[in-house]
Amino acid sequence: MTDKIYGYESITKVSGEVKDNSFNPIIYKSKTKSSRQDRFENILFNKNGTISNIEISKDLSSDQINLQNTIINNYRFFTDPISQLVQYFVFQTDSERIIIDGINIYEISSNTKNIENLKSNNPSIYKGNTEVIDLVFPFFKGLYKENKKNNLEVIRIYSFEKEKIKIPAKFKIKSKKFIANLHLKEYEILQ
């Protein structure tokens, strides 16, 4: 994945289980490499959504570790961002858990907007009608920094249905600093 602001590569692996129309993560591993930094976040979840272990590449002071532990204990039940996106596309519902990505915790709310046609000049491999959903962030908190601000304003997702699964063809990410468009280049549905 590359945008015009920074070149970066991000690899994320999530494993978990589906139970009662909810995707519940057990392992979340993310590694990002950019021209500015290399970082990783590894989170292990218990089956009930509590965190059994969290490891990040950033060196933390004892105050930052205490803040992290306080926040995690206050909110208790978590999911990761990829699992929440899977939840939207497979079950069309929000998770009942707070999202944690290793650096921040937050909530995402979805608002279905309308149908929009992705035309042939669109760089996505998909052309045609898409359902448009806006994701907004009613709650956001940094795990290691008091009063950390969320620069993300909205993530607009354009998705189409294939074999009863909603597949994102395009993401439009709008922040206070930039607007980025990410387009689907290929996909595979495994049975």
N, C-alpha and C. Protein backbone atom coordinates (compact mmCIF):
# COMPACT_ATOMS: atom_id res chain seq x y z
N MET A 1 0.84 -1.16 0.00
CA MET A 1 0.00 0.00 0.00
C MET A 1 0.90 1.23 0.00
N THR A 2 0.62 2.16 -0.86
CA THR A 2 1.45 3.37 -0.94
C THR A 2 0.54 4.57 -1.15
N ASP A 3 0.86 5.67 -0.52
CA ASP A 3 0.15 6.90 -0.82
C ASP A 3 1.15 7.94 -1.27
N LYS A 4 0.67 9.12 -1.62
CA LYS A 4 1.54 10.14 -2.18
C LYS A 4 2.19 11.00 -1.11
N ILE A 5 1.92 10.72 0.15
CA ILE A 5 2.51 11.50 1.23
C ILE A 5 3.76 10.82 1.74
N TYR A 6 3.66 9.56 2.12
CA TYR A 6 4.81 8.78 2.58
C TYR A 6 4.74 7.42 1.89
N GLY A 7 5.91 6.90 1.51
CA GLY A 7 5.94 5.53 1.05
C GLY A 7 5.99 4.62 2.27
N TYR A 8 5.14 3.61 2.30
CA TYR A 8 5.17 2.69 3.43
C TYR A 8 4.64 1.33 3.01
N GLU A 9 4.99 0.35 3.80
CA GLU A 9 4.47 -1.00 3.61
C GLU A 9 3.95 -1.45 4.96
N SER A 10 2.77 -2.01 4.96
CA SER A 10 2.16 -2.46 6.21
C SER A 10 1.67 -3.88 6.03
N ILE A 11 2.05 -4.75 6.95
CA ILE A 11 1.61 -6.14 6.95
C ILE A 11 0.94 -6.40 8.28
N THR A 12 -0.29 -6.90 8.22
CA THR A 12 -1.04 -7.18 9.43
C THR A 12 -1.59 -8.59 9.36
N LYS A 13 -1.46 -9.32 10.45
CA LYS A 13 -2.00 -10.67 10.53
C LYS A 13 -2.91 -10.74 11.75
N VAL A 14 -4.13 -11.23 11.52
CA VAL A 14 -5.10 -11.38 12.59
C VAL A 14 -5.64 -12.80 12.55
N SER A 15 -5.71 -13.43 13.69
CA SER A 15 -6.40 -14.72 13.77
C SER A 15 -7.33 -14.68 14.97
N GLY A 16 -8.42 -15.41 14.85
CA GLY A 16 -9.41 -15.41 15.92
C GLY A 16 -10.50 -16.41 15.63
N GLU A 17 -11.67 -16.16 16.18
CA GLU A 17 -12.79 -17.06 15.97
C GLU A 17 -14.07 -16.28 15.76
N VAL A 18 -14.99 -16.90 15.03
CA VAL A 18 -16.31 -16.31 14.82
C VAL A 18 -17.26 -16.99 15.79
N LYS A 19 -17.96 -16.16 16.57
CA LYS A 19 -18.92 -16.70 17.54
C LYS A 19 -20.08 -15.72 17.66
N ASP A 20 -21.29 -16.22 17.52
CA ASP A 20 -22.51 -15.40 17.65
C ASP A 20 -22.45 -14.15 16.77
N ASN A 21 -22.15 -14.33 15.49
CA ASN A 21 -22.07 -13.22 14.52
C ASN A 21 -21.08 -12.14 14.93
N SER A 22 -19.99 -12.56 15.53
CA SER A 22 -18.95 -11.61 15.92
C SER A 22 -17.59 -12.23 15.65
N PHE A 23 -16.70 -11.45 15.03
CA PHE A 23 -15.33 -11.90 14.80
C PHE A 23 -14.49 -11.45 15.98
N ASN A 24 -13.99 -12.41 16.76
CA ASN A 24 -13.24 -12.11 17.98
C ASN A 24 -11.78 -12.48 17.79
N PRO A 25 -10.87 -11.49 17.83
CA PRO A 25 -9.46 -11.78 17.61
C PRO A 25 -8.82 -12.49 18.79
N ILE A 26 -7.82 -13.30 18.48
CA ILE A 26 -6.96 -13.92 19.48
C ILE A 26 -5.55 -13.34 19.36
N ILE A 27 -5.09 -13.16 18.10
CA ILE A 27 -3.76 -12.61 17.84
C ILE A 27 -3.87 -11.48 16.82
N TYR A 28 -3.23 -10.36 17.12
CA TYR A 28 -3.12 -9.23 16.19
C TYR A 28 -1.64 -8.88 16.10
N LYS A 29 -1.08 -8.96 14.89
CA LYS A 29 0.32 -8.60 14.67
C LYS A 29 0.37 -7.64 13.50
N SER A 30 1.00 -6.50 13.70
CA SER A 30 1.11 -5.50 12.65
C SER A 30 2.54 -5.00 12.58
N LYS A 31 3.05 -4.89 11.36
CA LYS A 31 4.39 -4.36 11.15
C LYS A 31 4.31 -3.33 10.03
N THR A 32 4.86 -2.15 10.29
CA THR A 32 4.85 -1.07 9.32
C THR A 32 6.27 -0.60 9.08
N LYS A 33 6.61 -0.47 7.81
CA LYS A 33 7.93 0.03 7.44
C LYS A 33 7.72 1.23 6.53
N SER A 34 8.36 2.33 6.88
CA SER A 34 8.26 3.54 6.07
C SER A 34 9.62 4.21 6.00
N SER A 35 9.67 5.29 5.26
CA SER A 35 10.92 6.05 5.18
C SER A 35 11.22 6.74 6.50
N ARG A 36 10.23 6.89 7.35
CA ARG A 36 10.41 7.57 8.62
C ARG A 36 10.67 6.63 9.78
N GLN A 37 10.11 5.41 9.74
CA GLN A 37 10.26 4.51 10.88
C GLN A 37 9.86 3.08 10.53
N ASP A 38 10.34 2.16 11.35
CA ASP A 38 9.89 0.77 11.32
C ASP A 38 9.27 0.51 12.68
N ARG A 39 8.06 -0.08 12.69
CA ARG A 39 7.45 -0.34 13.98
C ARG A 39 6.59 -1.59 13.91
N PHE A 40 6.32 -2.16 15.09
CA PHE A 40 5.42 -3.31 15.17
C PHE A 40 4.56 -3.20 16.41
N GLU A 41 3.41 -3.85 16.35
CA GLU A 41 2.51 -4.01 17.47
C GLU A 41 2.03 -5.45 17.48
N ASN A 42 2.16 -6.12 18.61
CA ASN A 42 1.67 -7.49 18.79
C ASN A 42 0.74 -7.49 20.00
N ILE A 43 -0.49 -7.97 19.78
CA ILE A 43 -1.46 -8.02 20.87
C ILE A 43 -2.05 -9.42 20.92
N LEU A 44 -2.07 -10.00 22.12
CA LEU A 44 -2.73 -11.28 22.35
C LEU A 44 -3.98 -11.03 23.17
N PHE A 45 -5.10 -11.56 22.70
CA PHE A 45 -6.39 -11.39 23.36
C PHE A 45 -6.82 -12.69 24.03
N ASN A 46 -7.49 -12.59 25.16
CA ASN A 46 -8.19 -13.73 25.72
C ASN A 46 -9.52 -13.87 24.97
N LYS A 47 -10.17 -15.01 25.08
CA LYS A 47 -11.42 -15.24 24.33
C LYS A 47 -12.53 -14.26 24.69
N ASN A 48 -12.50 -13.70 25.90
CA ASN A 48 -13.54 -12.76 26.30
C ASN A 48 -13.24 -11.32 25.85
N GLY A 49 -12.09 -11.08 25.21
CA GLY A 49 -11.75 -9.75 24.72
C GLY A 49 -10.80 -8.97 25.60
N THR A 50 -10.42 -9.52 26.75
CA THR A 50 -9.39 -8.86 27.56
C THR A 50 -8.03 -9.11 26.91
N ILE A 51 -7.06 -8.31 27.26
CA ILE A 51 -5.72 -8.42 26.68
C ILE A 51 -4.82 -9.23 27.60
N SER A 52 -4.19 -10.26 27.03
CA SER A 52 -3.27 -11.05 27.85
C SER A 52 -1.84 -10.56 27.69
N ASN A 53 -1.51 -9.95 26.54
CA ASN A 53 -0.16 -9.41 26.34
C ASN A 53 -0.20 -8.37 25.24
N ILE A 54 0.58 -7.31 25.43
CA ILE A 54 0.73 -6.28 24.41
C ILE A 54 2.21 -5.94 24.31
N GLU A 55 2.72 -5.90 23.09
CA GLU A 55 4.13 -5.61 22.85
C GLU A 55 4.21 -4.66 21.65
N ILE A 56 4.92 -3.57 21.83
CA ILE A 56 5.13 -2.63 20.73
C ILE A 56 6.62 -2.33 20.61
N SER A 57 7.02 -1.82 19.44
CA SER A 57 8.43 -1.56 19.22
C SER A 57 8.92 -0.29 19.90
N LYS A 58 8.00 0.58 20.26
CA LYS A 58 8.37 1.85 20.89
C LYS A 58 8.85 1.62 22.32
N ASP A 59 9.96 2.26 22.69
CA ASP A 59 10.43 2.21 24.07
C ASP A 59 9.53 3.10 24.93
N LEU A 60 9.07 2.55 26.03
CA LEU A 60 8.13 3.27 26.89
C LEU A 60 8.74 3.57 28.24
N SER A 61 8.40 4.75 28.76
CA SER A 61 8.81 5.09 30.13
C SER A 61 7.87 4.38 31.10
N SER A 62 8.22 4.37 32.37
CA SER A 62 7.35 3.73 33.36
C SER A 62 6.01 4.47 33.45
N ASP A 63 6.01 5.80 33.29
CA ASP A 63 4.76 6.56 33.29
C ASP A 63 3.86 6.15 32.12
N GLN A 64 4.45 5.93 30.94
CA GLN A 64 3.68 5.50 29.77
C GLN A 64 3.11 4.10 29.97
N ILE A 65 3.89 3.22 30.56
CA ILE A 65 3.41 1.86 30.84
C ILE A 65 2.26 1.90 31.85
N ASN A 66 2.39 2.73 32.88
CA ASN A 66 1.31 2.87 33.86
C ASN A 66 0.04 3.43 33.22
N LEU A 67 0.18 4.42 32.34
CA LEU A 67 -0.97 4.99 31.63
C LEU A 67 -1.62 3.92 30.77
N GLN A 68 -0.82 3.16 30.03
CA GLN A 68 -1.34 2.07 29.19
C GLN A 68 -2.14 1.08 30.04
N ASN A 69 -1.57 0.62 31.15
CA ASN A 69 -2.23 -0.37 32.00
C ASN A 69 -3.53 0.18 32.59
N THR A 70 -3.53 1.44 32.99
CA THR A 70 -4.74 2.07 33.54
C THR A 70 -5.84 2.12 32.49
N ILE A 71 -5.50 2.56 31.29
CA ILE A 71 -6.50 2.67 30.22
C ILE A 71 -7.03 1.28 29.85
N ILE A 72 -6.15 0.32 29.70
CA ILE A 72 -6.59 -1.04 29.35
C ILE A 72 -7.49 -1.62 30.44
N ASN A 73 -7.15 -1.40 31.70
CA ASN A 73 -7.98 -1.90 32.79
C ASN A 73 -9.33 -1.19 32.87
N ASN A 74 -9.36 0.10 32.51
CA ASN A 74 -10.62 0.86 32.55
C ASN A 74 -11.60 0.40 31.48
N TYR A 75 -11.09 0.06 30.29
CA TYR A 75 -11.98 -0.29 29.17
C TYR A 75 -12.14 -1.79 28.98
N ARG A 76 -11.22 -2.58 29.42
CA ARG A 76 -11.24 -4.03 29.54
C ARG A 76 -11.43 -4.86 28.28
N PHE A 77 -12.49 -4.67 27.49
CA PHE A 77 -12.80 -5.59 26.39
C PHE A 77 -12.49 -4.94 25.05
N PHE A 78 -11.65 -5.63 24.25
CA PHE A 78 -11.10 -5.01 23.04
C PHE A 78 -11.22 -5.91 21.82
N THR A 79 -11.13 -5.26 20.67
CA THR A 79 -10.95 -5.91 19.39
C THR A 79 -9.86 -5.13 18.67
N ASP A 80 -9.45 -5.57 17.49
CA ASP A 80 -8.44 -4.83 16.73
C ASP A 80 -9.11 -4.21 15.50
N PRO A 81 -8.44 -3.27 14.82
CA PRO A 81 -9.08 -2.58 13.69
C PRO A 81 -9.46 -3.49 12.52
N ILE A 82 -8.64 -4.50 12.22
CA ILE A 82 -8.94 -5.40 11.11
C ILE A 82 -10.16 -6.25 11.44
N SER A 83 -10.22 -6.76 12.66
CA SER A 83 -11.38 -7.56 13.07
C SER A 83 -12.66 -6.73 13.01
N GLN A 84 -12.58 -5.44 13.38
CA GLN A 84 -13.76 -4.59 13.30
C GLN A 84 -14.19 -4.39 11.84
N LEU A 85 -13.24 -4.21 10.93
CA LEU A 85 -13.59 -4.09 9.52
C LEU A 85 -14.23 -5.37 9.01
N VAL A 86 -13.69 -6.52 9.39
CA VAL A 86 -14.30 -7.80 9.02
C VAL A 86 -15.73 -7.86 9.56
N GLN A 87 -15.92 -7.41 10.78
CA GLN A 87 -17.25 -7.37 11.39
C GLN A 87 -18.22 -6.57 10.52
N TYR A 88 -17.78 -5.41 10.02
CA TYR A 88 -18.64 -4.59 9.15
C TYR A 88 -18.98 -5.32 7.86
N PHE A 89 -17.98 -5.92 7.23
CA PHE A 89 -18.21 -6.50 5.91
C PHE A 89 -18.94 -7.83 5.97
N VAL A 90 -18.69 -8.64 6.97
CA VAL A 90 -19.33 -9.95 7.03
C VAL A 90 -20.69 -9.88 7.73
N PHE A 91 -20.78 -9.16 8.85
CA PHE A 91 -22.00 -9.16 9.65
C PHE A 91 -22.75 -7.82 9.64
N GLN A 92 -22.18 -6.78 9.04
CA GLN A 92 -22.79 -5.44 8.98
C GLN A 92 -23.15 -4.89 10.35
N THR A 93 -22.29 -5.15 11.34
CA THR A 93 -22.53 -4.65 12.70
C THR A 93 -21.24 -4.09 13.30
N ASP A 94 -21.41 -3.25 14.30
CA ASP A 94 -20.29 -2.78 15.11
C ASP A 94 -19.92 -3.87 16.10
N SER A 95 -18.67 -3.88 16.51
CA SER A 95 -18.26 -4.74 17.61
C SER A 95 -18.75 -4.10 18.90
N GLU A 96 -18.95 -4.90 19.91
CA GLU A 96 -19.32 -4.35 21.21
C GLU A 96 -18.08 -4.07 22.06
N ARG A 97 -16.93 -4.05 21.41
CA ARG A 97 -15.67 -3.85 22.11
C ARG A 97 -14.98 -2.58 21.61
N ILE A 98 -14.11 -2.03 22.45
CA ILE A 98 -13.27 -0.90 22.06
C ILE A 98 -12.16 -1.43 21.15
N ILE A 99 -11.76 -0.63 20.18
CA ILE A 99 -10.71 -1.04 19.24
C ILE A 99 -9.35 -0.60 19.80
N ILE A 100 -8.38 -1.50 19.71
CA ILE A 100 -7.01 -1.20 20.13
C ILE A 100 -6.08 -1.56 18.98
N ASP A 101 -5.13 -0.66 18.69
CA ASP A 101 -4.17 -0.95 17.60
C ASP A 101 -2.73 -0.99 18.10
N GLY A 102 -2.54 -0.96 19.39
CA GLY A 102 -1.20 -0.99 19.98
C GLY A 102 -0.73 0.38 20.41
N ILE A 103 -1.25 1.43 19.81
CA ILE A 103 -0.86 2.79 20.14
C ILE A 103 -2.04 3.60 20.66
N ASN A 104 -3.24 3.31 20.15
CA ASN A 104 -4.44 4.05 20.49
C ASN A 104 -5.58 3.09 20.79
N ILE A 105 -6.60 3.61 21.48
CA ILE A 105 -7.87 2.91 21.58
C ILE A 105 -8.94 3.87 21.08
N TYR A 106 -10.00 3.31 20.48
CA TYR A 106 -11.03 4.17 19.91
C TYR A 106 -12.28 3.36 19.58
N GLU A 107 -13.34 4.09 19.30
CA GLU A 107 -14.58 3.49 18.81
C GLU A 107 -14.78 3.97 17.38
N ILE A 108 -15.44 3.14 16.60
CA ILE A 108 -15.83 3.52 15.25
C ILE A 108 -17.33 3.34 15.14
N SER A 109 -17.99 4.33 14.56
CA SER A 109 -19.41 4.22 14.26
C SER A 109 -19.57 4.28 12.75
N SER A 110 -20.53 3.51 12.24
CA SER A 110 -20.74 3.49 10.79
C SER A 110 -22.05 4.17 10.43
N ASN A 111 -22.03 4.87 9.32
CA ASN A 111 -23.22 5.51 8.76
C ASN A 111 -23.30 5.15 7.30
N THR A 112 -24.34 4.42 6.90
CA THR A 112 -24.51 4.09 5.49
C THR A 112 -24.99 5.34 4.77
N LYS A 113 -24.31 5.66 3.68
CA LYS A 113 -24.61 6.89 2.96
C LYS A 113 -25.55 6.64 1.78
N ASN A 114 -25.07 5.99 0.75
CA ASN A 114 -25.86 5.81 -0.46
C ASN A 114 -25.16 4.81 -1.38
N ILE A 115 -25.63 4.74 -2.60
CA ILE A 115 -25.01 3.92 -3.64
C ILE A 115 -24.25 4.86 -4.57
N GLU A 116 -23.01 4.48 -4.91
CA GLU A 116 -22.22 5.30 -5.84
C GLU A 116 -21.58 4.39 -6.87
N ASN A 117 -21.56 4.87 -8.09
CA ASN A 117 -21.00 4.09 -9.18
C ASN A 117 -19.51 4.41 -9.34
N LEU A 118 -18.66 3.37 -9.24
CA LEU A 118 -17.24 3.54 -9.53
C LEU A 118 -17.07 3.33 -11.03
N LYS A 119 -16.67 4.37 -11.72
CA LYS A 119 -16.60 4.36 -13.18
C LYS A 119 -15.29 3.80 -13.68
N SER A 120 -15.19 3.66 -14.99
CA SER A 120 -14.03 3.01 -15.60
C SER A 120 -12.72 3.76 -15.39
N ASN A 121 -12.75 5.06 -15.08
CA ASN A 121 -11.50 5.78 -14.82
C ASN A 121 -11.01 5.59 -13.38
N ASN A 122 -11.75 4.82 -12.60
CA ASN A 122 -11.37 4.51 -11.22
C ASN A 122 -10.24 3.48 -11.23
N PRO A 123 -9.15 3.67 -10.45
CA PRO A 123 -8.04 2.71 -10.47
C PRO A 123 -8.32 1.38 -9.79
N SER A 124 -9.46 1.22 -9.12
CA SER A 124 -9.81 -0.07 -8.50
C SER A 124 -10.09 -1.09 -9.60
N ILE A 125 -9.92 -2.38 -9.28
CA ILE A 125 -10.25 -3.41 -10.26
C ILE A 125 -11.76 -3.54 -10.42
N TYR A 126 -12.54 -2.98 -9.49
CA TYR A 126 -14.00 -3.09 -9.56
C TYR A 126 -14.60 -1.85 -10.21
N LYS A 127 -15.51 -2.07 -11.14
CA LYS A 127 -16.27 -1.00 -11.76
C LYS A 127 -17.74 -1.31 -11.55
N GLY A 128 -18.52 -0.35 -11.12
CA GLY A 128 -19.96 -0.56 -10.93
C GLY A 128 -20.45 0.06 -9.64
N ASN A 129 -21.69 -0.29 -9.28
CA ASN A 129 -22.31 0.28 -8.09
C ASN A 129 -21.68 -0.25 -6.81
N THR A 130 -21.50 0.66 -5.86
CA THR A 130 -20.95 0.31 -4.55
C THR A 130 -21.82 0.92 -3.46
N GLU A 131 -21.86 0.25 -2.32
CA GLU A 131 -22.49 0.83 -1.13
C GLU A 131 -21.44 1.69 -0.44
N VAL A 132 -21.84 2.88 -0.03
CA VAL A 132 -20.90 3.81 0.60
C VAL A 132 -21.22 3.89 2.09
N ILE A 133 -20.19 3.64 2.91
CA ILE A 133 -20.31 3.72 4.37
C ILE A 133 -19.24 4.68 4.88
N ASP A 134 -19.64 5.59 5.75
CA ASP A 134 -18.69 6.47 6.43
C ASP A 134 -18.41 5.91 7.82
N LEU A 135 -17.14 5.82 8.16
CA LEU A 135 -16.73 5.44 9.51
C LEU A 135 -16.21 6.69 10.21
N VAL A 136 -16.76 6.97 11.38
CA VAL A 136 -16.33 8.13 12.16
C VAL A 136 -15.88 7.65 13.54
N PHE A 137 -15.22 8.52 14.27
CA PHE A 137 -14.57 8.15 15.52
C PHE A 137 -15.13 8.97 16.68
N PRO A 138 -16.20 8.49 17.34
CA PRO A 138 -16.77 9.26 18.45
C PRO A 138 -15.92 9.27 19.71
N PHE A 139 -15.00 8.30 19.83
CA PHE A 139 -14.14 8.21 21.01
C PHE A 139 -12.75 7.84 20.53
N PHE A 140 -11.73 8.55 21.04
CA PHE A 140 -10.34 8.28 20.67
C PHE A 140 -9.45 8.65 21.84
N LYS A 141 -8.49 7.77 22.17
CA LYS A 141 -7.57 8.04 23.28
C LYS A 141 -6.23 7.40 22.96
N GLY A 142 -5.15 8.13 23.15
CA GLY A 142 -3.82 7.57 23.01
C GLY A 142 -3.48 6.71 24.22
N LEU A 143 -2.80 5.59 23.99
CA LEU A 143 -2.43 4.70 25.09
C LEU A 143 -1.22 5.20 25.87
N TYR A 144 -0.39 6.05 25.27
CA TYR A 144 0.87 6.42 25.91
C TYR A 144 1.05 7.92 26.04
N LYS A 145 0.03 8.68 25.62
CA LYS A 145 0.16 10.12 25.63
C LYS A 145 -1.18 10.73 26.01
N GLU A 146 -1.21 11.48 27.09
CA GLU A 146 -2.45 12.14 27.51
C GLU A 146 -2.88 13.15 26.46
N ASN A 147 -4.17 13.26 26.25
CA ASN A 147 -4.76 14.25 25.33
C ASN A 147 -4.25 14.15 23.90
N LYS A 148 -3.92 12.96 23.46
CA LYS A 148 -3.52 12.76 22.07
C LYS A 148 -4.71 13.03 21.16
N LYS A 149 -4.50 13.75 20.09
CA LYS A 149 -5.58 14.11 19.19
C LYS A 149 -5.69 13.10 18.06
N ASN A 150 -6.92 12.86 17.63
CA ASN A 150 -7.19 12.02 16.48
C ASN A 150 -7.27 12.92 15.25
N ASN A 151 -6.37 12.72 14.31
CA ASN A 151 -6.40 13.52 13.09
C ASN A 151 -7.37 12.98 12.05
N LEU A 152 -7.83 11.73 12.22
CA LEU A 152 -8.77 11.16 11.26
C LEU A 152 -10.15 11.77 11.44
N GLU A 153 -10.73 12.22 10.34
CA GLU A 153 -12.08 12.77 10.39
C GLU A 153 -13.10 11.73 9.94
N VAL A 154 -12.83 11.06 8.83
CA VAL A 154 -13.76 10.06 8.31
C VAL A 154 -13.01 9.10 7.38
N ILE A 155 -13.44 7.84 7.40
CA ILE A 155 -12.99 6.87 6.41
C ILE A 155 -14.24 6.46 5.63
N ARG A 156 -14.25 6.76 4.34
CA ARG A 156 -15.38 6.40 3.48
C ARG A 156 -15.01 5.11 2.74
N ILE A 157 -15.88 4.11 2.86
CA ILE A 157 -15.63 2.81 2.25
C ILE A 157 -16.66 2.56 1.15
N TYR A 158 -16.16 2.22 -0.02
CA TYR A 158 -17.00 1.87 -1.17
C TYR A 158 -16.89 0.36 -1.34
N SER A 159 -17.99 -0.38 -1.14
CA SER A 159 -17.91 -1.84 -1.18
C SER A 159 -18.96 -2.42 -2.12
N PHE A 160 -18.67 -3.63 -2.60
CA PHE A 160 -19.59 -4.38 -3.45
C PHE A 160 -19.76 -5.77 -2.85
N GLU A 161 -20.83 -6.44 -3.22
CA GLU A 161 -21.10 -7.76 -2.67
C GLU A 161 -20.70 -8.85 -3.66
N LYS A 162 -20.00 -9.84 -3.14
CA LYS A 162 -19.59 -11.00 -3.94
C LYS A 162 -19.71 -12.22 -3.04
N GLU A 163 -20.50 -13.20 -3.44
CA GLU A 163 -20.71 -14.43 -2.67
C GLU A 163 -21.11 -14.13 -1.22
N LYS A 164 -22.04 -13.18 -1.06
CA LYS A 164 -22.60 -12.78 0.24
C LYS A 164 -21.59 -12.11 1.16
N ILE A 165 -20.47 -11.65 0.62
CA ILE A 165 -19.45 -10.94 1.39
C ILE A 165 -19.29 -9.55 0.79
N LYS A 166 -19.26 -8.53 1.64
CA LYS A 166 -19.00 -7.18 1.16
C LYS A 166 -17.50 -6.99 1.04
N ILE A 167 -17.06 -6.59 -0.13
CA ILE A 167 -15.63 -6.42 -0.40
C ILE A 167 -15.36 -4.95 -0.66
N PRO A 168 -14.40 -4.36 0.04
CA PRO A 168 -14.11 -2.94 -0.18
C PRO A 168 -13.35 -2.73 -1.50
N ALA A 169 -13.89 -1.90 -2.38
CA ALA A 169 -13.24 -1.57 -3.64
C ALA A 169 -12.37 -0.32 -3.50
N LYS A 170 -12.74 0.55 -2.55
CA LYS A 170 -12.02 1.81 -2.39
C LYS A 170 -12.20 2.32 -0.96
N PHE A 171 -11.13 2.88 -0.41
CA PHE A 171 -11.18 3.59 0.86
C PHE A 171 -10.77 5.03 0.58
N LYS A 172 -11.53 5.98 1.05
CA LYS A 172 -11.13 7.39 0.99
C LYS A 172 -10.94 7.84 2.44
N ILE A 173 -9.70 8.12 2.79
CA ILE A 173 -9.36 8.48 4.17
C ILE A 173 -9.13 9.98 4.24
N LYS A 174 -9.93 10.64 5.05
CA LYS A 174 -9.81 12.09 5.20
C LYS A 174 -9.35 12.40 6.62
N SER A 175 -8.21 13.08 6.71
CA SER A 175 -7.71 13.50 8.01
C SER A 175 -7.52 15.01 7.99
N LYS A 176 -7.12 15.55 9.12
CA LYS A 176 -6.86 16.99 9.19
C LYS A 176 -5.59 17.35 8.43
N LYS A 177 -4.76 16.33 8.09
CA LYS A 177 -3.49 16.58 7.42
C LYS A 177 -3.48 16.17 5.95
N PHE A 178 -4.35 15.22 5.54
CA PHE A 178 -4.29 14.73 4.17
C PHE A 178 -5.59 14.03 3.79
N ILE A 179 -5.74 13.77 2.50
CA ILE A 179 -6.78 12.91 1.96
C ILE A 179 -6.07 11.83 1.15
N ALA A 180 -6.37 10.56 1.43
CA ALA A 180 -5.74 9.45 0.71
C ALA A 180 -6.83 8.55 0.14
N ASN A 181 -6.60 8.06 -1.06
CA ASN A 181 -7.49 7.10 -1.70
C ASN A 181 -6.74 5.80 -1.88
N LEU A 182 -7.29 4.71 -1.35
CA LEU A 182 -6.71 3.38 -1.47
C LEU A 182 -7.67 2.54 -2.31
N HIS A 183 -7.14 1.86 -3.30
CA HIS A 183 -7.97 1.12 -4.25
C HIS A 183 -7.64 -0.36 -4.24
N LEU A 184 -8.69 -1.19 -4.37
CA LEU A 184 -8.54 -2.63 -4.45
C LEU A 184 -7.87 -3.00 -5.77
N LYS A 185 -6.79 -3.74 -5.69
CA LYS A 185 -6.08 -4.17 -6.90
C LYS A 185 -6.31 -5.64 -7.20
N GLU A 186 -6.53 -6.45 -6.16
CA GLU A 186 -6.85 -7.86 -6.37
C GLU A 186 -7.44 -8.42 -5.09
N TYR A 187 -8.16 -9.53 -5.22
CA TYR A 187 -8.69 -10.21 -4.05
C TYR A 187 -8.97 -11.67 -4.41
N GLU A 188 -9.07 -12.48 -3.37
CA GLU A 188 -9.38 -13.88 -3.54
C GLU A 188 -10.26 -14.31 -2.38
N ILE A 189 -11.33 -15.04 -2.68
CA ILE A 189 -12.22 -15.56 -1.64
C ILE A 189 -11.91 -17.03 -1.49
N LEU A 190 -11.46 -17.42 -0.31
CA LEU A 190 -11.13 -18.82 -0.04
C LEU A 190 -12.31 -19.47 0.66
N GLN A 191 -12.61 -20.67 0.28
CA GLN A 191 -13.74 -21.39 0.89
C GLN A 191 -13.31 -22.12 2.13
